[in-house]
Amino acid sequence: MSESRELTVRALATGLLLGALLTPSNIYSGLKIGWSFNMSIIALLVGFAFWQLLAGAFGLPKWALRESNITQTTASSAASIISGGLVAPIPAYTLLTGQQFDTLPLIAWVFSVSFLGIWVAWYLRRSLVVESGLRFPEGMATLETMQQIYSQGREALRRLAVLGGAALLAGLLKAIDVFVLSLPRWAPNAALERLTFTLEPSLLLVGFGGIIGLRVGLSLLLGAVLAWGVIAPALLGLGAVGLPADAEGPQFAVLIEWLLWPGVSLMVCATLTSLGLRLLHERRERSDRGRWRRPAGLPALGLLAAAVLVVVLQTQLFDIDPLMATLSIPLAVLLAMVAARVVGATGIPPIGAIGQLSQLSFGVMAPGQVAINLMSANTAGGAAGQCTDLLNDFKVGHVIGASPSRQVIAQCLGILMGSLVGVLVYKALIPDPQGMLVTNEWPAPAVATWRAVAEALTDGLGALAMDVRWAMLAGALCGVALGAFEALLPADRLRWLPSSAALGLAFIIPASISLMMTFGAVLAWLVASRWRSLAERFVIAAAAGLVAGESITGVGASLWALLR
């Protein structure tokens, strides 16, 4: 009977509570470094350990496998709410227009675009999860962890202990930095400090470095050296950027106004090239996999309700023409299907590429209109984010015999919790987006990217200086070349190629962030080289703990400062 328990009150409540606790971590890291972390495995470990201990102490029913699946589905959907726009198009819209949104309308908007993605995933489930051979690597990693902890209960407790210890360490260091004394940011000399080459006392960055791996970490280092160590000094020497003679400390805000253009061009062109080539390759190989299924019954009403809600909110909140708002729906559905296939094959959600592709589409259909360019594109990004998250969960559920409809209920409740908590945390962390974002404290690389693409499509490239246009061309050509190699090279050779995403990102974040993430990647690689079995069991748990501990403490410190 225990294995038949699934959509229980305790499973949902545990997932909602964990989602509420973990969502701020992704908001924080998304605004800091532009990346987020899948929270499924953390939710699995915490939920399993908590309820197994309670079951042993108080004689409660054991924590069932399918209850764990509902918990991770709920928590991961809440934490992945950042794809709804809170760390990219929404603040970019405020930077360009000066308009900020009240809390309730913003919650409704983030929920609506995520709700749309859930129903797209429902209609793709049979073709992509049940009938196709797509692996969905993130979902399989969650499944393998689930199977391990249920076959070896003590293993879950060990991993949870490592995760909790790392979180406490990172949280303590952040608390000392904020509340006791400001920890030093060391640089070899004043010139390198101006170029942002400092060592940050941030275990969150070390943790993310351990998650991303050596190839991405070294690519960040290469990009930082190129952008901040070679190009930035040349810009200062030639007078291409204005820097006061008495300027002290990191000059990120001044230099980023030039460096973001080649960085954004490289990332956008690389991701679009790689995406296009992969899809062309798959189109030749597949027959009818990935077909859209004919809507039927209650799910069709859900899809219709989501589409109507998105269109109404676009017209009411952003004053977008109803026709343009309506056109955003089929485009969002199409691009979510594209993202689903990419995630199924590679495990990497191309949310940034989907957003920029949507921006380019609306730049052609409605040139010069910031609201349409950003917020209609936000529809595609939000739908793609939740669609891919739910398909990973569907993959787990399919293997263990879970009910898809119950997972949809969990996902809907999760995005509701994520929308509420995410918007409240975002507004508390960033009360003044125009003054706080794209700075050394809050680099917000995704915001800078969406803003740059919107500016280029709205004002035209003619509004940019000639040297910036040449830099964009160079970045675009490098991006096309790297994207083509990433799509066509076999996996064993790909590890010798720099990561285009990391290379471009290094142009948009301070060099200090790249340095610390590279350190984390090298450290994780050294541990794996010396103690392979130990690293496979505990490195990701420790890294996730560092990320969660510092980010949650950072959010708490910001809320405390706001209350004071």
Foldseek 3Di string as FASTA:
>chain_A
DLQPDALDPVLLVLLLVLLLLQQLLQLLVCLAQNDGDQCLLVSLLVVQVVQQVVCVVPVDDHHYLNSSLLSSLLNRLLNLLVLLPLLALQLLLCQVPVDDDDQVLQLLSSLLLLLLLLLLLVQQQCQQQVPDPQALVVLVVSLVSSVVCVVPVVLSVVLLVLLQVLLVVQQVQLCCCQPPHNDDFDDPDFVVQQLLPTADPALLLLLLLLVVFQQLLVLLLVLLCVQSVPVVVVCVVVVVWDDDPPDTGHPQLGSLVQLLQLLLLLQLLLLVLLLVLLVVVVVVVDDCRLPGDDDDDPSVVSNVVSLVSQLVSLCPVVVDDSVLSNVLSVLLSVLLSSQQVCSSHPVDRVLLNQLLVQLVVVLVVPFQRLSSSRSSSSSNSSSSSSSNSLSSSSNSCVVSVHDSVSSSVSSSSSSSSSSNSVSVLSCLQCVDSNVPECDQRRLSSSHVSSSVSSCCSNVNPVVDDPVSVVSSVVSNVNSSVLSVCVNPPDPVVNSVRRDSNSSSSSSRHRSNSSVSSSNSNVVLVVCCVVPVVVSVSHSSSSSSSSSSSNSSSVSVSSNVVVVD
